[in-house]
Amino acid sequence: MSISITVNDVKDIATITIVGSFDFSLFNEFRAGYSDLNKPYKTYVVDMSMVEYLDSAALGMLLSMRNAIEADCNIQLTGANAFIKNILMISRFDKRFDIQ
């Protein structure tokens, strides 16, 4: 389980890539991934292409991210497998996030 952060200042995008299980053990690392950046970005991408497991704590962390980031900023949840994407849709995250 790990998180990596990449930023593209030209495109104004910050990408948080999650590997392995997305659960409470990543709480501090995930929050730091968007709150400890040098500046706010227009778009935040949460790359879930390598996430194998997601629990309710992860859903809560995503909601906390949405509340912490300015409303006019776009948050994209990308690369989720079919099972995780289904959880996101059932939880109505498509109303608050751009799920791709």
PDB file of N, CA and C in Angstrom:
ATOM      1  N   MET A   1       0.848  -1.175   0.000  1.00  0.00           N
ATOM      2  CA  MET A   1       0.000   0.000   0.000  1.00  0.00           C
ATOM      3  C   MET A   1       0.892   1.236   0.000  1.00  0.00           C
ATOM      4  N   SER A   2       0.660   2.078  -0.972  1.00  0.00           N
ATOM      5  CA  SER A   2       1.430   3.302  -1.012  1.00  0.00           C
ATOM      6  C   SER A   2       0.711   4.354  -1.849  1.00  0.00           C
ATOM      7  N   ILE A   3       1.189   5.569  -1.695  1.00  0.00           N
ATOM      8  CA  ILE A   3       0.651   6.704  -2.435  1.00  0.00           C
ATOM      9  C   ILE A   3       1.827   7.473  -3.019  1.00  0.00           C
ATOM     10  N   SER A   4       1.685   7.884  -4.274  1.00  0.00           N
ATOM     11  CA  SER A   4       2.685   8.767  -4.862  1.00  0.00           C
ATOM     12  C   SER A   4       1.973   9.990  -5.435  1.00  0.00           C
ATOM     13  N   ILE A   5       2.654  11.116  -5.398  1.00  0.00           N
ATOM     14  CA  ILE A   5       2.090  12.386  -5.852  1.00  0.00           C
ATOM     15  C   ILE A   5       2.940  12.904  -6.999  1.00  0.00           C
ATOM     16  N   THR A   6       2.289  13.298  -8.082  1.00  0.00           N
ATOM     17  CA  THR A   6       2.979  13.987  -9.172  1.00  0.00           C
ATOM     18  C   THR A   6       2.184  15.237  -9.506  1.00  0.00           C
ATOM     19  N   VAL A   7       2.890  16.296  -9.854  1.00  0.00           N
ATOM     20  CA  VAL A   7       2.208  17.538 -10.220  1.00  0.00           C
ATOM     21  C   VAL A   7       2.687  17.986 -11.598  1.00  0.00           C
ATOM     22  N   ASN A   8       1.787  18.624 -12.322  1.00  0.00           N
ATOM     23  CA  ASN A   8       2.097  19.213 -13.615  1.00  0.00           C
ATOM     24  C   ASN A   8       1.636  20.661 -13.531  1.00  0.00           C
ATOM     25  N   ASP A   9       2.576  21.568 -13.262  1.00  0.00           N
ATOM     26  CA  ASP A   9       2.221  22.970 -13.098  1.00  0.00           C
ATOM     27  C   ASP A   9       1.746  23.604 -14.403  1.00  0.00           C
ATOM     28  N   VAL A  10       2.229  23.108 -15.537  1.00  0.00           N
ATOM     29  CA  VAL A  10       1.809  23.658 -16.832  1.00  0.00           C
ATOM     30  C   VAL A  10       0.323  23.379 -17.071  1.00  0.00           C
ATOM     31  N   LYS A  11      -0.102  22.138 -16.797  1.00  0.00           N
ATOM     32  CA  LYS A  11      -1.507  21.758 -16.987  1.00  0.00           C
ATOM     33  C   LYS A  11      -2.356  22.009 -15.743  1.00  0.00           C
ATOM     34  N   ASP A  12      -1.719  22.424 -14.646  1.00  0.00           N
ATOM     35  CA  ASP A  12      -2.408  22.713 -13.378  1.00  0.00           C
ATOM     36  C   ASP A  12      -3.132  21.482 -12.833  1.00  0.00           C
ATOM     37  N   ILE A  13      -2.392  20.350 -12.813  1.00  0.00           N
ATOM     38  CA  ILE A  13      -2.944  19.062 -12.369  1.00  0.00           C
ATOM     39  C   ILE A  13      -2.049  18.447 -11.298  1.00  0.00           C
ATOM     40  N   ALA A  14      -2.668  17.940 -10.249  1.00  0.00           N
ATOM     41  CA  ALA A  14      -1.980  17.138  -9.240  1.00  0.00           C
ATOM     42  C   ALA A  14      -2.571  15.730  -9.290  1.00  0.00           C
ATOM     43  N   THR A  15      -1.711  14.729  -9.375  1.00  0.00           N
ATOM     44  CA  THR A  15      -2.171  13.342  -9.458  1.00  0.00           C
ATOM     45  C   THR A  15      -1.715  12.573  -8.227  1.00  0.00           C
ATOM     46  N   ILE A  16      -2.670  11.920  -7.597  1.00  0.00           N
ATOM     47  CA  ILE A  16      -2.405  11.056  -6.449  1.00  0.00           C
ATOM     48  C   ILE A  16      -2.628   9.627  -6.926  1.00  0.00           C
ATOM     49  N   THR A  17      -1.575   8.830  -6.937  1.00  0.00           N
ATOM     50  CA  THR A  17      -1.672   7.438  -7.376  1.00  0.00           C
ATOM     51  C   THR A  17      -1.648   6.538  -6.149  1.00  0.00           C
ATOM     52  N   ILE A  18      -2.639   5.671  -6.069  1.00  0.00           N
ATOM     53  CA  ILE A  18      -2.769   4.756  -4.931  1.00  0.00           C
ATOM     54  C   ILE A  18      -2.472   3.343  -5.423  1.00  0.00           C
ATOM     55  N   VAL A  19      -1.633   2.628  -4.672  1.00  0.00           N
ATOM     56  CA  VAL A  19      -1.267   1.261  -5.027  1.00  0.00           C
ATOM     57  C   VAL A  19      -1.666   0.333  -3.888  1.00  0.00           C
ATOM     58  N   GLY A  20      -2.379  -0.743  -4.229  1.00  0.00           N
ATOM     59  CA  GLY A  20      -2.759  -1.740  -3.232  1.00  0.00           C
ATOM     60  C   GLY A  20      -4.117  -1.447  -2.631  1.00  0.00           C
ATOM     61  N   SER A  21      -4.233  -1.616  -1.335  1.00  0.00           N
ATOM     62  CA  SER A  21      -5.494  -1.392  -0.627  1.00  0.00           C
ATOM     63  C   SER A  21      -5.652   0.077  -0.276  1.00  0.00           C
ATOM     64  N   PHE A  22      -6.816   0.619  -0.584  1.00  0.00           N
ATOM     65  CA  PHE A  22      -7.149   2.002  -0.236  1.00  0.00           C
ATOM     66  C   PHE A  22      -8.033   1.912   0.997  1.00  0.00           C
ATOM     67  N   ASP A  23      -7.412   2.061   2.174  1.00  0.00           N
ATOM     68  CA  ASP A  23      -8.137   1.918   3.430  1.00  0.00           C
ATOM     69  C   ASP A  23      -7.585   2.893   4.463  1.00  0.00           C
ATOM     70  N   PHE A  24      -8.037   2.764   5.694  1.00  0.00           N
ATOM     71  CA  PHE A  24      -7.697   3.718   6.736  1.00  0.00           C
ATOM     72  C   PHE A  24      -6.189   3.830   6.988  1.00  0.00           C
ATOM     73  N   SER A  25      -5.444   2.804   6.677  1.00  0.00           N
ATOM     74  CA  SER A  25      -3.998   2.854   6.908  1.00  0.00           C
ATOM     75  C   SER A  25      -3.327   3.948   6.068  1.00  0.00           C
ATOM     76  N   LEU A  26      -3.984   4.425   5.033  1.00  0.00           N
ATOM     77  CA  LEU A  26      -3.443   5.486   4.171  1.00  0.00           C
ATOM     78  C   LEU A  26      -3.980   6.871   4.520  1.00  0.00           C
ATOM     79  N   PHE A  27      -4.705   6.986   5.633  1.00  0.00           N
ATOM     80  CA  PHE A  27      -5.381   8.251   5.969  1.00  0.00           C
ATOM     81  C   PHE A  27      -4.441   9.457   5.933  1.00  0.00           C
ATOM     82  N   ASN A  28      -3.388   9.437   6.728  1.00  0.00           N
ATOM     83  CA  ASN A  28      -2.487  10.596   6.807  1.00  0.00           C
ATOM     84  C   ASN A  28      -1.757  10.850   5.495  1.00  0.00           C
ATOM     85  N   GLU A  29      -1.303   9.787   4.866  1.00  0.00           N
ATOM     86  CA  GLU A  29      -0.575   9.914   3.606  1.00  0.00           C
ATOM     87  C   GLU A  29      -1.479  10.479   2.503  1.00  0.00           C
ATOM     88  N   PHE A  30      -2.732  10.015   2.451  1.00  0.00           N
ATOM     89  CA  PHE A  30      -3.658  10.505   1.430  1.00  0.00           C
ATOM     90  C   PHE A  30      -3.978  11.980   1.656  1.00  0.00           C
ATOM     91  N   ARG A  31      -4.282  12.350   2.885  1.00  0.00           N
ATOM     92  CA  ARG A  31      -4.597  13.752   3.182  1.00  0.00           C
ATOM     93  C   ARG A  31      -3.417  14.658   2.851  1.00  0.00           C
ATOM     94  N   ALA A  32      -2.222  14.231   3.197  1.00  0.00           N
ATOM     95  CA  ALA A  32      -1.027  15.013   2.876  1.00  0.00           C
ATOM     96  C   ALA A  32      -0.850  15.146   1.366  1.00  0.00           C
ATOM     97  N   GLY A  33      -1.330  14.148   0.616  1.00  0.00           N
ATOM     98  CA  GLY A  33      -1.195  14.163  -0.829  1.00  0.00           C
ATOM     99  C   GLY A  33      -1.865  15.338  -1.503  1.00  0.00           C
ATOM    100  N   TYR A  34      -2.931  15.861  -0.907  1.00  0.00           N
ATOM    101  CA  TYR A  34      -3.589  17.030  -1.500  1.00  0.00           C
ATOM    102  C   TYR A  34      -3.472  18.280  -0.646  1.00  0.00           C
ATOM    103  N   SER A  35      -3.244  18.149   0.635  1.00  0.00           N
ATOM    104  CA  SER A  35      -3.216  19.343   1.490  1.00  0.00           C
ATOM    105  C   SER A  35      -1.822  19.926   1.684  1.00  0.00           C
ATOM    106  N   ASP A  36      -0.784  19.151   1.444  1.00  0.00           N
ATOM    107  CA  ASP A  36       0.579  19.641   1.652  1.00  0.00           C
ATOM    108  C   ASP A  36       1.243  20.139   0.365  1.00  0.00           C
ATOM    109  N   LEU A  37       0.469  20.316  -0.683  1.00  0.00           N
ATOM    110  CA  LEU A  37       1.027  20.820  -1.936  1.00  0.00           C
ATOM    111  C   LEU A  37       1.352  22.306  -1.812  1.00  0.00           C
ATOM    112  N   ASN A  38       2.283  22.771  -2.629  1.00  0.00           N
ATOM    113  CA  ASN A  38       2.725  24.171  -2.570  1.00  0.00           C
ATOM    114  C   ASN A  38       1.654  25.164  -2.993  1.00  0.00           C
ATOM    115  N   LYS A  39       0.695  24.708  -3.791  1.00  0.00           N
ATOM    116  CA  LYS A  39      -0.356  25.597  -4.287  1.00  0.00           C
ATOM    117  C   LYS A  39      -1.587  24.774  -4.595  1.00  0.00           C
ATOM    118  N   PRO A  40      -2.747  25.414  -4.697  1.00  0.00           N
ATOM    119  CA  PRO A  40      -3.936  24.677  -5.138  1.00  0.00           C
ATOM    120  C   PRO A  40      -3.872  24.427  -6.647  1.00  0.00           C
ATOM    121  N   TYR A  41      -4.459  23.347  -7.079  1.00  0.00           N
ATOM    122  CA  TYR A  41      -4.496  22.994  -8.495  1.00  0.00           C
ATOM    123  C   TYR A  41      -5.928  23.034  -9.002  1.00  0.00           C
ATOM    124  N   LYS A  42      -6.086  23.239 -10.297  1.00  0.00           N
ATOM    125  CA  LYS A  42      -7.414  23.281 -10.905  1.00  0.00           C
ATOM    126  C   LYS A  42      -8.024  21.877 -10.970  1.00  0.00           C
ATOM    127  N   THR A  43      -7.164  20.883 -11.215  1.00  0.00           N
ATOM    128  CA  THR A  43      -7.626  19.508 -11.337  1.00  0.00           C
ATOM    129  C   THR A  43      -6.786  18.598 -10.448  1.00  0.00           C
ATOM    130  N   TYR A  44      -7.478  17.733  -9.730  1.00  0.00           N
ATOM    131  CA  TYR A  44      -6.840  16.692  -8.931  1.00  0.00           C
ATOM    132  C   TYR A  44      -7.291  15.355  -9.507  1.00  0.00           C
ATOM    133  N   VAL A  45      -6.339  14.488  -9.778  1.00  0.00           N
ATOM    134  CA  VAL A  45      -6.640  13.163 -10.298  1.00  0.00           C
ATOM    135  C   VAL A  45      -6.267  12.147  -9.227  1.00  0.00           C
ATOM    136  N   VAL A  46      -7.217  11.298  -8.866  1.00  0.00           N
ATOM    137  CA  VAL A  46      -6.929  10.177  -7.968  1.00  0.00           C
ATOM    138  C   VAL A  46      -6.885   8.940  -8.859  1.00  0.00           C
ATOM    139  N   ASP A  47      -5.660   8.473  -9.133  1.00  0.00           N
ATOM    140  CA  ASP A  47      -5.448   7.321 -10.007  1.00  0.00           C
ATOM    141  C   ASP A  47      -5.652   6.052  -9.196  1.00  0.00           C
ATOM    142  N   MET A  48      -6.733   5.340  -9.514  1.00  0.00           N
ATOM    143  CA  MET A  48      -7.085   4.125  -8.783  1.00  0.00           C
ATOM    144  C   MET A  48      -6.832   2.870  -9.610  1.00  0.00           C
ATOM    145  N   SER A  49      -6.029   2.998 -10.658  1.00  0.00           N
ATOM    146  CA  SER A  49      -5.807   1.868 -11.562  1.00  0.00           C
ATOM    147  C   SER A  49      -5.065   0.703 -10.894  1.00  0.00           C
ATOM    148  N   MET A  50      -4.378   0.959  -9.781  1.00  0.00           N
ATOM    149  CA  MET A  50      -3.655  -0.111  -9.088  1.00  0.00           C
ATOM    150  C   MET A  50      -4.265  -0.413  -7.721  1.00  0.00           C
ATOM    151  N   VAL A  51      -5.507   0.056  -7.495  1.00  0.00           N
ATOM    152  CA  VAL A  51      -6.198  -0.218  -6.231  1.00  0.00           C
ATOM    153  C   VAL A  51      -6.864  -1.587  -6.332  1.00  0.00           C
ATOM    154  N   GLU A  52      -6.564  -2.443  -5.366  1.00  0.00           N
ATOM    155  CA  GLU A  52      -7.127  -3.788  -5.329  1.00  0.00           C
ATOM    156  C   GLU A  52      -8.321  -3.887  -4.385  1.00  0.00           C
ATOM    157  N   TYR A  53      -8.376  -2.980  -3.408  1.00  0.00           N
ATOM    158  CA  TYR A  53      -9.403  -3.051  -2.364  1.00  0.00           C
ATOM    159  C   TYR A  53      -9.709  -1.637  -1.901  1.00  0.00           C
ATOM    160  N   LEU A  54     -10.970  -1.384  -1.625  1.00  0.00           N
ATOM    161  CA  LEU A  54     -11.409  -0.072  -1.141  1.00  0.00           C
ATOM    162  C   LEU A  54     -12.439  -0.313  -0.050  1.00  0.00           C
ATOM    163  N   ASP A  55     -12.314   0.395   1.083  1.00  0.00           N
ATOM    164  CA  ASP A  55     -13.299   0.218   2.153  1.00  0.00           C
ATOM    165  C   ASP A  55     -14.020   1.532   2.434  1.00  0.00           C
ATOM    166  N   SER A  56     -14.898   1.516   3.429  1.00  0.00           N
ATOM    167  CA  SER A  56     -15.694   2.707   3.739  1.00  0.00           C
ATOM    168  C   SER A  56     -14.818   3.866   4.208  1.00  0.00           C
ATOM    169  N   ALA A  57     -13.684   3.577   4.824  1.00  0.00           N
ATOM    170  CA  ALA A  57     -12.772   4.656   5.235  1.00  0.00           C
ATOM    171  C   ALA A  57     -12.242   5.390   4.008  1.00  0.00           C
ATOM    172  N   ALA A  58     -11.977   4.660   2.943  1.00  0.00           N
ATOM    173  CA  ALA A  58     -11.506   5.293   1.701  1.00  0.00           C
ATOM    174  C   ALA A  58     -12.581   6.212   1.131  1.00  0.00           C
ATOM    175  N   LEU A  59     -13.834   5.776   1.186  1.00  0.00           N
ATOM    176  CA  LEU A  59     -14.925   6.634   0.717  1.00  0.00           C
ATOM    177  C   LEU A  59     -14.977   7.915   1.547  1.00  0.00           C
ATOM    178  N   GLY A  60     -14.801   7.781   2.849  1.00  0.00           N
ATOM    179  CA  GLY A  60     -14.785   8.944   3.727  1.00  0.00           C
ATOM    180  C   GLY A  60     -13.611   9.863   3.430  1.00  0.00           C
ATOM    181  N   MET A  61     -12.453   9.290   3.119  1.00  0.00           N
ATOM    182  CA  MET A  61     -11.283  10.109   2.785  1.00  0.00           C
ATOM    183  C   MET A  61     -11.512  10.889   1.494  1.00  0.00           C
ATOM    184  N   LEU A  62     -12.177  10.264   0.524  1.00  0.00           N
ATOM    185  CA  LEU A  62     -12.480  10.973  -0.723  1.00  0.00           C
ATOM    186  C   LEU A  62     -13.455  12.120  -0.468  1.00  0.00           C
ATOM    187  N   LEU A  63     -14.451  11.892   0.389  1.00  0.00           N
ATOM    188  CA  LEU A  63     -15.394  12.971   0.730  1.00  0.00           C
ATOM    189  C   LEU A  63     -14.693  14.096   1.476  1.00  0.00           C
ATOM    190  N   SER A  64     -13.776  13.746   2.358  1.00  0.00           N
ATOM    191  CA  SER A  64     -13.002  14.776   3.064  1.00  0.00           C
ATOM    192  C   SER A  64     -12.170  15.594   2.084  1.00  0.00           C
ATOM    193  N   MET A  65     -11.614  14.931   1.093  1.00  0.00           N
ATOM    194  CA  MET A  65     -10.854  15.634   0.057  1.00  0.00           C
ATOM    195  C   MET A  65     -11.755  16.609  -0.685  1.00  0.00           C
ATOM    196  N   ARG A  66     -12.943  16.126  -1.067  1.00  0.00           N
ATOM    197  CA  ARG A  66     -13.886  16.984  -1.799  1.00  0.00           C
ATOM    198  C   ARG A  66     -14.242  18.218  -0.969  1.00  0.00           C
ATOM    199  N   ASN A  67     -14.429  18.055   0.337  1.00  0.00           N
ATOM    200  CA  ASN A  67     -14.779  19.177   1.214  1.00  0.00           C
ATOM    201  C   ASN A  67     -13.608  20.124   1.446  1.00  0.00           C
ATOM    202  N   ALA A  68     -12.379  19.606   1.383  1.00  0.00           N
ATOM    203  CA  ALA A  68     -11.203  20.426   1.658  1.00  0.00           C
ATOM    204  C   ALA A  68     -10.753  21.242   0.446  1.00  0.00           C
ATOM    205  N   ILE A  69     -11.081  20.756  -0.729  1.00  0.00           N
ATOM    206  CA  ILE A  69     -10.631  21.422  -1.963  1.00  0.00           C
ATOM    207  C   ILE A  69     -11.735  22.346  -2.460  1.00  0.00           C
ATOM    208  N   GLU A  70     -11.327  23.480  -3.004  1.00  0.00           N
ATOM    209  CA  GLU A  70     -12.288  24.473  -3.471  1.00  0.00           C
ATOM    210  C   GLU A  70     -13.295  23.854  -4.432  1.00  0.00           C
ATOM    211  N   ALA A  71     -14.535  24.329  -4.343  1.00  0.00           N
ATOM    212  CA  ALA A  71     -15.639  23.743  -5.108  1.00  0.00           C
ATOM    213  C   ALA A  71     -15.437  23.825  -6.617  1.00  0.00           C
ATOM    214  N   ASP A  72     -14.718  24.848  -7.090  1.00  0.00           N
ATOM    215  CA  ASP A  72     -14.537  24.975  -8.540  1.00  0.00           C
ATOM    216  C   ASP A  72     -13.395  24.113  -9.074  1.00  0.00           C
ATOM    217  N   CYS A  73     -12.723  23.374  -8.209  1.00  0.00           N
ATOM    218  CA  CYS A  73     -11.681  22.454  -8.640  1.00  0.00           C
ATOM    219  C   CYS A  73     -12.310  21.115  -9.006  1.00  0.00           C
ATOM    220  N   ASN A  74     -11.778  20.504 -10.044  1.00  0.00           N
ATOM    221  CA  ASN A  74     -12.277  19.220 -10.517  1.00  0.00           C
ATOM    222  C   ASN A  74     -11.480  18.097  -9.858  1.00  0.00           C
ATOM    223  N   ILE A  75     -12.180  17.079  -9.361  1.00  0.00           N
ATOM    224  CA  ILE A  75     -11.516  15.886  -8.829  1.00  0.00           C
ATOM    225  C   ILE A  75     -11.951  14.710  -9.703  1.00  0.00           C
ATOM    226  N   GLN A  76     -10.973  14.089 -10.357  1.00  0.00           N
ATOM    227  CA  GLN A  76     -11.238  12.946 -11.219  1.00  0.00           C
ATOM    228  C   GLN A  76     -10.799  11.672 -10.514  1.00  0.00           C
ATOM    229  N   LEU A  77     -11.669  10.683 -10.503  1.00  0.00           N
ATOM    230  CA  LEU A  77     -11.331   9.355  -9.996  1.00  0.00           C
ATOM    231  C   LEU A  77     -11.154   8.484 -11.225  1.00  0.00           C
ATOM    232  N   THR A  78      -9.919   8.075 -11.504  1.00  0.00           N
ATOM    233  CA  THR A  78      -9.644   7.382 -12.757  1.00  0.00           C
ATOM    234  C   THR A  78      -9.120   5.974 -12.529  1.00  0.00           C
ATOM    235  N   GLY A  79      -9.361   5.122 -13.518  1.00  0.00           N
ATOM    236  CA  GLY A  79      -8.754   3.801 -13.566  1.00  0.00           C
ATOM    237  C   GLY A  79      -9.312   2.747 -12.649  1.00  0.00           C
ATOM    238  N   ALA A  80     -10.403   3.020 -11.957  1.00  0.00           N
ATOM    239  CA  ALA A  80     -10.959   2.029 -11.026  1.00  0.00           C
ATOM    240  C   ALA A  80     -11.445   0.801 -11.786  1.00  0.00           C
ATOM    241  N   ASN A  81     -11.225  -0.373 -11.204  1.00  0.00           N
ATOM    242  CA  ASN A  81     -11.756  -1.581 -11.838  1.00  0.00           C
ATOM    243  C   ASN A  81     -13.282  -1.585 -11.722  1.00  0.00           C
ATOM    244  N   ALA A  82     -13.932  -2.514 -12.397  1.00  0.00           N
ATOM    245  CA  ALA A  82     -15.390  -2.537 -12.461  1.00  0.00           C
ATOM    246  C   ALA A  82     -16.028  -2.654 -11.077  1.00  0.00           C
ATOM    247  N   PHE A  83     -15.444  -3.454 -10.196  1.00  0.00           N
ATOM    248  CA  PHE A  83     -16.011  -3.642  -8.867  1.00  0.00           C
ATOM    249  C   PHE A  83     -15.957  -2.337  -8.063  1.00  0.00           C
ATOM    250  N   ILE A  84     -14.801  -1.683  -8.072  1.00  0.00           N
ATOM    251  CA  ILE A  84     -14.646  -0.434  -7.321  1.00  0.00           C
ATOM    252  C   ILE A  84     -15.489   0.673  -7.948  1.00  0.00           C
ATOM    253  N   LYS A  85     -15.532   0.725  -9.260  1.00  0.00           N
ATOM    254  CA  LYS A  85     -16.358   1.726  -9.934  1.00  0.00           C
ATOM    255  C   LYS A  85     -17.834   1.546  -9.554  1.00  0.00           C
ATOM    256  N   ASN A  86     -18.269   0.298  -9.435  1.00  0.00           N
ATOM    257  CA  ASN A  86     -19.647   0.020  -9.029  1.00  0.00           C
ATOM    258  C   ASN A  86     -19.907   0.532  -7.614  1.00  0.00           C
ATOM    259  N   ILE A  87     -18.971   0.341  -6.702  1.00  0.00           N
ATOM    260  CA  ILE A  87     -19.108   0.855  -5.331  1.00  0.00           C
ATOM    261  C   ILE A  87     -19.237   2.378  -5.360  1.00  0.00           C
ATOM    262  N   LEU A  88     -18.402   3.034  -6.165  1.00  0.00           N
ATOM    263  CA  LEU A  88     -18.451   4.495  -6.275  1.00  0.00           C
ATOM    264  C   LEU A  88     -19.801   4.968  -6.818  1.00  0.00           C
ATOM    265  N   MET A  89     -20.336   4.254  -7.800  1.00  0.00           N
ATOM    266  CA  MET A  89     -21.612   4.647  -8.396  1.00  0.00           C
ATOM    267  C   MET A  89     -22.781   4.399  -7.428  1.00  0.00           C
ATOM    268  N   ILE A  90     -22.768   3.268  -6.742  1.00  0.00           N
ATOM    269  CA  ILE A  90     -23.820   2.973  -5.762  1.00  0.00           C
ATOM    270  C   ILE A  90     -23.811   4.018  -4.648  1.00  0.00           C
ATOM    271  N   SER A  91     -22.611   4.476  -4.283  1.00  0.00           N
ATOM    272  CA  SER A  91     -22.462   5.485  -3.233  1.00  0.00           C
ATOM    273  C   SER A  91     -22.725   6.905  -3.754  1.00  0.00           C
ATOM    274  N   ARG A  92     -23.097   7.004  -5.016  1.00  0.00           N
ATOM    275  CA  ARG A  92     -23.446   8.273  -5.676  1.00  0.00           C
ATOM    276  C   ARG A  92     -22.283   9.260  -5.725  1.00  0.00           C
ATOM    277  N   PHE A  93     -21.083   8.726  -5.805  1.00  0.00           N
ATOM    278  CA  PHE A  93     -19.908   9.588  -5.903  1.00  0.00           C
ATOM    279  C   PHE A  93     -19.844  10.293  -7.256  1.00  0.00           C
ATOM    280  N   ASP A  94     -20.604   9.802  -8.225  1.00  0.00           N
ATOM    281  CA  ASP A  94     -20.643  10.471  -9.527  1.00  0.00           C
ATOM    282  C   ASP A  94     -21.269  11.859  -9.433  1.00  0.00           C
ATOM    283  N   LYS A  95     -21.942  12.158  -8.333  1.00  0.00           N
ATOM    284  CA  LYS A  95     -22.534  13.488  -8.121  1.00  0.00           C
ATOM    285  C   LYS A  95     -21.504  14.495  -7.630  1.00  0.00           C
ATOM    286  N   ARG A  96     -20.405  14.007  -7.040  1.00  0.00           N
ATOM    287  CA  ARG A  96     -19.398  14.899  -6.464  1.00  0.00           C
ATOM    288  C   ARG A  96     -18.031  14.822  -7.150  1.00  0.00           C
ATOM    289  N   PHE A  97     -17.838  13.750  -7.922  1.00  0.00           N
ATOM    290  CA  PHE A  97     -16.547  13.509  -8.569  1.00  0.00           C
ATOM    291  C   PHE A  97     -16.764  13.186 -10.039  1.00  0.00           C
ATOM    292  N   ASP A  98     -15.719  13.398 -10.806  1.00  0.00           N
ATOM    293  CA  ASP A  98     -15.704  13.004 -12.213  1.00  0.00           C
ATOM    294  C   ASP A  98     -15.106  11.601 -12.257  1.00  0.00           C
ATOM    295  N   ILE A  99     -15.948  10.582 -12.420  1.00  0.00           N
ATOM    296  CA  ILE A  99     -15.476   9.188 -12.414  1.00  0.00           C
ATOM    297  C   ILE A  99     -15.209   8.758 -13.851  1.00  0.00           C
ATOM    298  N   GLN A 100     -13.970   8.361 -14.096  1.00  0.00           N
ATOM    299  CA  GLN A 100     -13.581   7.952 -15.459  1.00  0.00           C
ATOM    300  C   GLN A 100     -13.059   6.549 -15.465  1.00  0.00           C
TER     301      GLN A 100
END
